[in-house]
Amino acid sequence: MNARQRRLFEEARKKNPDLKMPTETAPAAELSEEDLALIKQGVGDKSSRPGGSSAGEGGSSEGPREQGGSIVTYFEAKGFGFLRPDDGGRDVFFHVSRLAEGDSTTLKPGTRVLYELGMDRTGKLAASSVRIAPLAE
């Protein structure tokens, strides 16, 4: 495990203290599906699959999972802000350069958005693709 992988694993361990450090000699099969999912979540991997299917099933690769949330704060002068996930948890950082659809002038507190989780340039959890949610009819 290189230094970056070790740092990312330690960040994942903060979310789940029971997570065990994989050893260099241990095959990945010894880790449970739950452990693998937590490791992926901790390092910002966007390839999580709903339903707990194993990586060997099917041959298709599902895209990143889009989530819903709302803008908490947006600093237009600086071009970044934070959004609150619908399912709770910590607020997620986003940068205006990750706005895939919509206009930055609509990024006001309370605005509904859809986003995908990823990592920013420092390796921290951030929204990798943000778009304004369509209005409910």
Protein backbone atom coordinates (compact mmCIF):
# COMPACT_ATOMS: atom_id res chain seq x y z
CA MET A 1 0.00 0.00 0.00
CA ASN A 2 1.54 3.34 -0.98
CA ALA A 3 1.36 6.48 1.17
CA ARG A 4 -1.67 7.91 -0.66
CA GLN A 5 -3.63 4.66 -0.37
CA ARG A 6 -2.74 4.44 3.33
CA ARG A 7 -3.94 8.05 3.91
CA LEU A 8 -7.22 7.38 2.09
CA PHE A 9 -7.73 4.19 4.06
CA GLU A 10 -7.18 6.09 7.33
CA GLU A 11 -9.84 8.60 6.24
CA ALA A 12 -12.23 5.70 5.60
CA ARG A 13 -11.35 4.27 9.02
CA LYS A 14 -12.50 7.53 10.66
CA LYS A 15 -16.00 6.82 9.30
CA ASN A 16 -15.87 3.18 10.38
CA PRO A 17 -13.42 2.43 13.23
CA ASP A 18 -13.99 -1.34 12.84
CA LEU A 19 -12.51 -1.32 9.33
CA LYS A 20 -9.41 -3.54 9.21
CA MET A 21 -6.23 -2.56 7.38
CA PRO A 22 -5.71 -4.95 4.44
CA THR A 23 -2.29 -6.53 4.39
CA GLU A 24 -0.05 -6.70 1.34
CA THR A 25 -0.18 -10.52 1.31
CA ALA A 26 -3.90 -10.95 2.01
CA PRO A 27 -5.97 -11.53 -1.13
CA ALA A 28 -8.89 -9.15 -1.67
CA ALA A 29 -11.29 -12.11 -1.32
CA GLU A 30 -10.70 -12.06 2.46
CA LEU A 31 -12.39 -8.68 2.74
CA SER A 32 -16.14 -8.78 3.07
CA GLU A 33 -18.42 -7.01 0.59
CA GLU A 34 -19.28 -4.56 3.36
CA ASP A 35 -15.59 -3.76 3.97
CA LEU A 36 -14.98 -3.23 0.26
CA ALA A 37 -17.99 -0.92 0.01
CA LEU A 38 -16.75 1.13 2.97
CA ILE A 39 -13.25 1.39 1.53
CA LYS A 40 -14.66 2.55 -1.81
CA GLN A 41 -16.91 5.05 -0.08
CA GLY A 42 -14.00 6.38 1.97
CA VAL A 43 -11.77 7.04 -1.02
CA GLY A 44 -14.55 8.65 -3.04
CA ASP A 45 -14.96 5.84 -5.54
CA LYS A 46 -18.02 6.58 -7.66
CA SER A 47 -18.59 3.05 -8.93
CA SER A 48 -20.73 1.80 -6.03
CA ARG A 49 -23.52 -0.46 -7.15
CA PRO A 50 -26.88 -0.54 -5.41
CA GLY A 51 -28.16 -3.87 -4.20
CA GLY A 52 -24.79 -5.27 -3.12
CA SER A 53 -24.08 -7.19 -6.33
CA SER A 54 -20.58 -8.55 -6.55
CA ALA A 55 -18.08 -7.15 -9.04
CA GLY A 56 -17.93 -10.45 -10.92
CA GLU A 57 -21.60 -10.47 -11.90
CA GLY A 58 -22.68 -9.12 -15.26
CA GLY A 59 -20.05 -7.57 -17.46
CA SER A 60 -21.45 -4.10 -17.67
CA SER A 61 -20.10 -1.21 -15.72
CA GLU A 62 -22.76 0.96 -14.14
CA GLY A 63 -22.18 4.69 -14.12
CA PRO A 64 -21.82 6.82 -11.00
CA ARG A 65 -24.83 6.97 -8.73
CA GLU A 66 -26.63 10.30 -8.86
CA GLN A 67 -27.89 11.68 -5.57
CA GLY A 68 -30.23 14.50 -4.63
CA GLY A 69 -29.61 17.40 -2.33
CA SER A 70 -30.03 21.11 -1.88
CA ILE A 71 -27.66 24.08 -1.84
CA VAL A 72 -26.77 25.22 1.69
CA THR A 73 -24.33 28.00 0.79
CA TYR A 74 -22.79 29.30 -2.41
CA PHE A 75 -20.07 31.94 -2.58
CA GLU A 76 -20.45 33.38 -6.08
CA ALA A 77 -17.31 35.52 -5.82
CA LYS A 78 -15.21 32.45 -4.99
CA GLY A 79 -17.10 29.95 -7.17
CA PHE A 80 -17.76 27.25 -4.59
CA GLY A 81 -20.31 26.19 -2.03
CA PHE A 82 -21.77 23.32 -0.05
CA LEU A 83 -24.82 21.17 -0.59
CA ARG A 84 -26.76 19.02 1.86
CA PRO A 85 -27.58 15.44 0.76
CA ASP A 86 -31.25 14.40 0.94
CA ASP A 87 -30.30 11.27 2.90
CA GLY A 88 -28.51 13.30 5.58
CA GLY A 89 -24.89 13.19 6.51
CA ARG A 90 -22.17 15.78 6.10
CA ASP A 91 -22.48 18.67 3.69
CA VAL A 92 -20.66 18.12 0.38
CA PHE A 93 -18.29 20.65 -1.19
CA PHE A 94 -18.85 21.64 -4.83
CA HIS A 95 -17.09 23.97 -7.24
CA VAL A 96 -18.87 25.93 -9.97
CA SER A 97 -16.61 24.25 -12.57
CA ARG A 98 -18.46 21.00 -11.77
CA LEU A 99 -21.83 22.48 -12.72
CA ALA A 100 -22.83 20.21 -15.61
CA GLU A 101 -26.30 21.64 -16.31
CA GLY A 102 -27.89 24.89 -15.24
CA ASP A 103 -26.75 28.43 -14.63
CA SER A 104 -24.55 29.51 -11.71
CA THR A 105 -26.97 32.35 -10.97
CA THR A 106 -29.54 29.76 -9.82
CA LEU A 107 -27.21 28.38 -7.12
CA LYS A 108 -29.00 29.91 -4.16
CA PRO A 109 -29.66 28.34 -0.73
CA GLY A 110 -32.52 25.86 -0.97
CA THR A 111 -32.11 25.16 -4.70
CA ARG A 112 -32.58 21.43 -5.43
CA VAL A 113 -29.69 19.77 -7.25
CA LEU A 114 -28.65 16.33 -8.45
CA TYR A 115 -25.00 15.39 -8.09
CA GLU A 116 -22.47 12.57 -8.21
CA LEU A 117 -19.86 12.05 -5.53
CA GLY A 118 -16.18 12.14 -6.36
CA MET A 119 -13.00 13.69 -5.05
CA ASP A 120 -11.59 17.18 -5.34
CA ARG A 121 -7.96 17.83 -6.30
CA THR A 122 -6.81 17.28 -2.71
CA GLY A 123 -8.50 13.89 -2.42
CA LYS A 124 -11.40 15.04 -0.25
CA LEU A 125 -15.01 14.09 -0.88
CA ALA A 126 -16.71 16.53 -3.26
CA ALA A 127 -19.49 16.69 -5.81
CA SER A 128 -18.04 15.76 -9.20
CA SER A 129 -21.05 16.62 -11.35
CA VAL A 130 -23.80 19.01 -10.27
CA ARG A 131 -26.96 19.88 -12.15
CA ILE A 132 -30.08 21.78 -11.19
CA ALA A 133 -32.89 19.34 -10.45
CA PRO A 134 -35.94 19.58 -12.71
CA LEU A 135 -38.97 21.12 -11.06
CA ALA A 136 -41.47 18.60 -9.66
CA GLU A 137 -44.74 18.64 -11.54
